N, C-alpha and C. Protein backbone atom coordinates (compact mmCIF):
# COMPACT_ATOMS: atom_id res chain seq x y z
N MET A 1 0.85 -1.18 0.00
CA MET A 1 0.00 0.00 0.00
C MET A 1 0.89 1.23 0.00
N GLY A 2 0.44 2.25 -0.68
CA GLY A 2 1.24 3.47 -0.83
C GLY A 2 0.78 4.59 0.08
N PHE A 3 0.91 5.79 -0.40
CA PHE A 3 0.55 6.98 0.35
C PHE A 3 -0.60 7.69 -0.35
N ARG A 4 -1.32 8.51 0.42
CA ARG A 4 -2.41 9.30 -0.17
C ARG A 4 -2.17 10.77 0.15
N THR A 5 -2.68 11.60 -0.73
CA THR A 5 -2.61 13.04 -0.54
C THR A 5 -4.02 13.59 -0.58
N VAL A 6 -4.36 14.39 0.41
CA VAL A 6 -5.67 15.03 0.47
C VAL A 6 -5.46 16.51 0.13
N VAL A 7 -6.25 16.98 -0.82
CA VAL A 7 -6.13 18.35 -1.31
C VAL A 7 -7.47 19.05 -1.16
N MET A 8 -7.45 20.27 -0.71
CA MET A 8 -8.65 21.11 -0.66
C MET A 8 -8.50 22.19 -1.72
N LEU A 9 -9.46 22.26 -2.63
CA LEU A 9 -9.46 23.28 -3.68
C LEU A 9 -10.72 24.12 -3.57
N SER A 10 -10.59 25.39 -3.84
CA SER A 10 -11.72 26.30 -3.82
C SER A 10 -12.58 26.11 -5.07
N ASN A 11 -13.83 25.77 -4.89
CA ASN A 11 -14.75 25.65 -6.03
C ASN A 11 -14.92 26.99 -6.75
N ASP A 12 -14.78 28.08 -5.99
CA ASP A 12 -14.92 29.40 -6.60
C ASP A 12 -13.85 29.66 -7.66
N LEU A 13 -12.73 28.94 -7.56
CA LEU A 13 -11.64 29.11 -8.53
C LEU A 13 -11.55 27.96 -9.52
N CYS A 14 -12.60 27.15 -9.59
CA CYS A 14 -12.64 26.00 -10.50
C CYS A 14 -12.38 26.42 -11.94
N HIS A 15 -12.89 27.58 -12.32
CA HIS A 15 -12.68 28.05 -13.69
C HIS A 15 -11.20 28.25 -14.00
N GLU A 16 -10.38 28.42 -12.98
CA GLU A 16 -8.93 28.56 -13.18
C GLU A 16 -8.22 27.21 -13.06
N TRP A 17 -8.41 26.51 -11.89
CA TRP A 17 -7.64 25.29 -11.68
C TRP A 17 -8.03 24.16 -12.61
N SER A 18 -9.26 24.19 -13.14
CA SER A 18 -9.67 23.12 -14.06
C SER A 18 -8.93 23.20 -15.39
N LYS A 19 -8.38 24.37 -15.67
CA LYS A 19 -7.65 24.56 -16.93
C LYS A 19 -6.14 24.69 -16.73
N ASP A 20 -5.69 24.54 -15.50
CA ASP A 20 -4.27 24.73 -15.19
C ASP A 20 -3.46 23.49 -15.57
N PRO A 21 -2.63 23.56 -16.60
CA PRO A 21 -1.85 22.40 -17.01
C PRO A 21 -0.77 22.01 -16.00
N LYS A 22 -0.49 22.90 -15.05
CA LYS A 22 0.53 22.62 -14.04
C LYS A 22 -0.07 22.23 -12.69
N LEU A 23 -1.38 21.98 -12.65
CA LEU A 23 -2.02 21.65 -11.37
C LEU A 23 -1.40 20.41 -10.74
N GLY A 24 -1.18 19.37 -11.51
CA GLY A 24 -0.56 18.16 -10.98
C GLY A 24 0.82 18.42 -10.41
N GLU A 25 1.60 19.23 -11.09
CA GLU A 25 2.94 19.59 -10.62
C GLU A 25 2.86 20.39 -9.31
N LYS A 26 1.90 21.30 -9.22
CA LYS A 26 1.72 22.10 -8.01
C LYS A 26 1.32 21.22 -6.83
N ILE A 27 0.43 20.26 -7.07
CA ILE A 27 0.02 19.33 -6.01
C ILE A 27 1.21 18.47 -5.60
N SER A 28 1.98 18.00 -6.58
CA SER A 28 3.14 17.16 -6.31
C SER A 28 4.15 17.86 -5.40
N LEU A 29 4.34 19.14 -5.59
CA LEU A 29 5.24 19.91 -4.73
C LEU A 29 4.61 20.14 -3.36
N ALA A 30 3.36 20.56 -3.35
CA ALA A 30 2.67 20.91 -2.10
C ALA A 30 2.52 19.71 -1.17
N MET A 31 2.34 18.51 -1.72
CA MET A 31 2.11 17.34 -0.87
C MET A 31 3.29 17.04 0.04
N ASN A 32 4.49 17.49 -0.35
CA ASN A 32 5.67 17.27 0.48
C ASN A 32 5.66 18.09 1.76
N TYR A 33 4.78 19.08 1.82
CA TYR A 33 4.72 19.97 2.98
C TYR A 33 3.38 19.90 3.71
N ALA A 34 2.47 19.05 3.26
CA ALA A 34 1.12 19.00 3.82
C ALA A 34 1.13 18.69 5.31
N SER A 35 1.97 17.79 5.74
CA SER A 35 1.99 17.39 7.14
C SER A 35 3.10 18.08 7.92
N ALA A 36 3.87 18.92 7.28
CA ALA A 36 4.97 19.62 7.95
C ALA A 36 4.41 20.73 8.83
N THR A 37 4.94 20.85 10.01
CA THR A 37 4.47 21.92 10.90
C THR A 37 5.21 23.22 10.63
N SER A 38 6.42 23.13 10.07
CA SER A 38 7.22 24.35 9.91
C SER A 38 7.01 25.07 8.58
N ARG A 39 6.72 24.37 7.50
CA ARG A 39 6.64 25.02 6.20
C ARG A 39 5.25 24.90 5.58
N GLN A 40 4.22 25.23 6.32
CA GLN A 40 2.85 25.16 5.80
C GLN A 40 2.64 26.08 4.62
N ASP A 41 3.43 27.14 4.51
CA ASP A 41 3.31 28.04 3.36
C ASP A 41 3.63 27.32 2.05
N MET A 42 4.43 26.26 2.12
CA MET A 42 4.81 25.50 0.92
C MET A 42 3.73 24.50 0.51
N ALA A 43 2.73 24.27 1.38
CA ALA A 43 1.65 23.33 1.07
C ALA A 43 0.57 23.97 0.20
N GLY A 44 0.68 25.24 -0.06
CA GLY A 44 -0.29 25.94 -0.89
C GLY A 44 -0.21 25.51 -2.35
N ILE A 45 -1.34 25.50 -3.01
CA ILE A 45 -1.43 25.16 -4.43
C ILE A 45 -1.89 26.42 -5.15
N GLY A 46 -0.94 27.30 -5.40
CA GLY A 46 -1.27 28.60 -5.97
C GLY A 46 -2.29 29.30 -5.09
N SER A 47 -3.25 29.96 -5.71
CA SER A 47 -4.33 30.60 -4.95
C SER A 47 -5.54 29.66 -4.86
N TYR A 48 -5.40 28.44 -5.35
CA TYR A 48 -6.52 27.50 -5.45
C TYR A 48 -6.88 26.80 -4.14
N GLY A 49 -5.91 26.58 -3.28
CA GLY A 49 -6.14 25.81 -2.06
C GLY A 49 -4.82 25.28 -1.55
N ARG A 50 -4.85 24.08 -0.92
CA ARG A 50 -3.60 23.52 -0.44
C ARG A 50 -3.72 22.02 -0.21
N ALA A 51 -2.57 21.39 -0.16
CA ALA A 51 -2.49 19.98 0.24
C ALA A 51 -2.58 19.97 1.76
N VAL A 52 -3.52 19.21 2.31
CA VAL A 52 -3.75 19.27 3.75
C VAL A 52 -3.28 18.02 4.49
N GLU A 53 -3.11 16.92 3.78
CA GLU A 53 -2.62 15.72 4.45
C GLU A 53 -1.91 14.84 3.43
N CYS A 54 -0.81 14.27 3.86
CA CYS A 54 -0.10 13.28 3.07
C CYS A 54 0.34 12.21 4.07
N CYS A 55 -0.21 11.02 3.93
CA CYS A 55 0.07 9.96 4.90
C CYS A 55 -0.06 8.60 4.24
N HIS A 56 0.31 7.58 4.98
CA HIS A 56 0.18 6.22 4.47
C HIS A 56 -1.29 5.92 4.21
N ALA A 57 -1.56 5.21 3.15
CA ALA A 57 -2.94 4.99 2.70
C ALA A 57 -3.77 4.15 3.66
N ASP A 58 -3.14 3.41 4.57
CA ASP A 58 -3.93 2.62 5.51
C ASP A 58 -4.24 3.38 6.80
N ASN A 59 -3.97 4.67 6.79
CA ASN A 59 -4.28 5.53 7.93
C ASN A 59 -5.73 5.99 7.80
N GLN A 60 -6.47 5.93 8.89
CA GLN A 60 -7.84 6.45 8.91
C GLN A 60 -7.81 7.74 9.73
N THR A 61 -8.28 8.83 9.14
CA THR A 61 -8.14 10.16 9.72
C THR A 61 -9.49 10.76 10.07
N LEU A 62 -9.57 11.34 11.25
CA LEU A 62 -10.73 12.14 11.65
C LEU A 62 -10.24 13.58 11.66
N ALA A 63 -10.92 14.44 10.89
CA ALA A 63 -10.46 15.82 10.75
C ALA A 63 -11.63 16.78 10.70
N MET A 64 -11.33 18.04 11.00
CA MET A 64 -12.30 19.11 10.85
C MET A 64 -11.82 19.97 9.68
N LEU A 65 -12.69 20.17 8.70
CA LEU A 65 -12.39 21.01 7.55
C LEU A 65 -13.18 22.30 7.69
N ASP A 66 -12.53 23.41 7.32
CA ASP A 66 -13.21 24.69 7.43
C ASP A 66 -12.68 25.60 6.33
N GLY A 67 -13.54 26.38 5.75
CA GLY A 67 -13.12 27.30 4.71
C GLY A 67 -12.57 26.56 3.50
N TYR A 68 -11.57 27.15 2.89
CA TYR A 68 -10.98 26.58 1.68
C TYR A 68 -9.73 25.76 1.96
N THR A 69 -9.07 26.01 3.09
CA THR A 69 -7.79 25.34 3.31
C THR A 69 -7.56 24.86 4.74
N MET A 70 -8.47 25.13 5.66
CA MET A 70 -8.23 24.77 7.05
C MET A 70 -8.55 23.30 7.29
N PHE A 71 -7.55 22.56 7.69
CA PHE A 71 -7.65 21.14 7.99
C PHE A 71 -7.10 20.96 9.39
N ARG A 72 -7.95 20.60 10.31
CA ARG A 72 -7.49 20.35 11.68
C ARG A 72 -7.53 18.86 11.93
N HIS A 73 -6.35 18.29 12.11
CA HIS A 73 -6.22 16.86 12.38
C HIS A 73 -6.74 16.60 13.79
N ILE A 74 -7.78 15.79 13.92
CA ILE A 74 -8.35 15.48 15.22
C ILE A 74 -7.74 14.20 15.77
N ASP A 75 -7.75 13.15 14.96
CA ASP A 75 -7.18 11.88 15.38
C ASP A 75 -6.93 11.00 14.16
N ALA A 76 -6.11 10.02 14.33
CA ALA A 76 -5.86 9.05 13.27
C ALA A 76 -5.61 7.69 13.90
N GLN A 77 -6.03 6.67 13.22
CA GLN A 77 -5.85 5.30 13.67
C GLN A 77 -5.43 4.47 12.47
N PRO A 78 -4.65 3.44 12.68
CA PRO A 78 -4.33 2.57 11.55
C PRO A 78 -5.55 1.75 11.14
N TRP A 79 -5.61 1.44 9.86
CA TRP A 79 -6.68 0.60 9.33
C TRP A 79 -6.63 -0.75 10.04
N ALA A 80 -7.79 -1.28 10.38
CA ALA A 80 -7.89 -2.60 11.04
C ALA A 80 -8.65 -3.54 10.13
N ARG A 81 -8.01 -4.63 9.76
CA ARG A 81 -8.63 -5.62 8.88
C ARG A 81 -9.95 -6.10 9.47
N GLY A 82 -10.98 -6.13 8.64
CA GLY A 82 -12.27 -6.65 9.05
C GLY A 82 -13.17 -5.65 9.77
N SER A 83 -12.69 -4.45 10.02
CA SER A 83 -13.52 -3.45 10.69
C SER A 83 -14.54 -2.88 9.72
N SER A 84 -15.75 -2.75 10.20
CA SER A 84 -16.78 -2.09 9.38
C SER A 84 -16.55 -0.59 9.43
N HIS A 85 -17.21 0.14 8.54
CA HIS A 85 -17.11 1.60 8.57
C HIS A 85 -17.59 2.14 9.91
N GLU A 86 -18.65 1.54 10.43
CA GLU A 86 -19.18 1.98 11.72
C GLU A 86 -18.18 1.75 12.84
N ASP A 87 -17.54 0.57 12.84
CA ASP A 87 -16.54 0.26 13.87
C ASP A 87 -15.35 1.23 13.79
N ALA A 88 -14.89 1.49 12.59
CA ALA A 88 -13.75 2.39 12.41
C ALA A 88 -14.12 3.80 12.86
N THR A 89 -15.31 4.26 12.50
CA THR A 89 -15.76 5.59 12.90
C THR A 89 -15.86 5.69 14.42
N LEU A 90 -16.43 4.69 15.04
CA LEU A 90 -16.57 4.69 16.49
C LEU A 90 -15.20 4.69 17.17
N ARG A 91 -14.27 3.90 16.65
CA ARG A 91 -12.93 3.84 17.22
C ARG A 91 -12.26 5.22 17.16
N LEU A 92 -12.40 5.91 16.00
CA LEU A 92 -11.82 7.24 15.87
C LEU A 92 -12.47 8.25 16.81
N LEU A 93 -13.80 8.19 16.88
CA LEU A 93 -14.51 9.13 17.75
C LEU A 93 -14.17 8.92 19.22
N LYS A 94 -14.10 7.67 19.65
CA LYS A 94 -13.74 7.38 21.05
C LYS A 94 -12.33 7.84 21.36
N SER A 95 -11.42 7.60 20.44
CA SER A 95 -10.04 8.02 20.66
C SER A 95 -9.93 9.54 20.74
N ALA A 96 -10.62 10.24 19.84
CA ALA A 96 -10.60 11.70 19.85
C ALA A 96 -11.23 12.24 21.13
N ALA A 97 -12.34 11.68 21.54
CA ALA A 97 -12.99 12.12 22.78
C ALA A 97 -12.05 11.92 23.97
N ASN A 98 -11.39 10.78 24.01
CA ASN A 98 -10.46 10.49 25.09
C ASN A 98 -9.32 11.51 25.13
N LYS A 99 -8.78 11.86 23.98
CA LYS A 99 -7.70 12.85 23.93
C LYS A 99 -8.15 14.22 24.41
N LEU A 100 -9.45 14.50 24.26
CA LEU A 100 -10.00 15.78 24.72
C LEU A 100 -10.50 15.72 26.16
N GLY A 101 -10.34 14.56 26.79
CA GLY A 101 -10.75 14.42 28.19
C GLY A 101 -12.20 13.99 28.37
N TYR A 102 -12.79 13.43 27.34
CA TYR A 102 -14.18 12.99 27.41
C TYR A 102 -14.27 11.48 27.20
N ARG A 103 -15.41 10.96 27.53
CA ARG A 103 -15.70 9.55 27.27
C ARG A 103 -16.95 9.50 26.42
N LEU A 104 -16.88 8.76 25.35
CA LEU A 104 -18.01 8.62 24.45
C LEU A 104 -18.80 7.38 24.87
N VAL A 105 -20.09 7.57 25.15
CA VAL A 105 -20.93 6.44 25.55
C VAL A 105 -22.18 6.43 24.68
N LYS A 106 -22.66 5.24 24.40
CA LYS A 106 -23.86 5.09 23.59
C LYS A 106 -25.09 5.45 24.42
N GLN A 107 -26.03 6.08 23.76
CA GLN A 107 -27.30 6.41 24.42
C GLN A 107 -28.08 5.13 24.65
N PRO A 108 -28.82 5.07 25.75
CA PRO A 108 -29.62 3.86 26.01
C PRO A 108 -30.70 3.69 24.95
N ALA A 109 -30.97 2.46 24.59
CA ALA A 109 -32.01 2.16 23.61
C ALA A 109 -33.37 2.45 24.23
N LYS A 110 -34.30 2.90 23.39
CA LYS A 110 -35.65 3.21 23.90
C LYS A 110 -36.52 1.99 23.84
């Protein structure tokens, strides 16, 4: 398994980036800085947006997205063989809640 890159692009600038022959090259450069804490300015993709995450493809990420480029990493867990989407989501939510000092509990059935 390889790596994945997550990119946020502004739909308002679609008329520009959809015709940009260098978009792939810009993403290729920006992805090297997506997870860097020191050079976030290099993660930008022109005025279109930015690469927000570059990680191993078996990583499952819980994040908050805001605006055109804000990506706040909440938690990540490695992929677990045989886990359903619901199980993986619950595992991420419980881990994130724990890191914030909370405990996630299921509501009682009616």
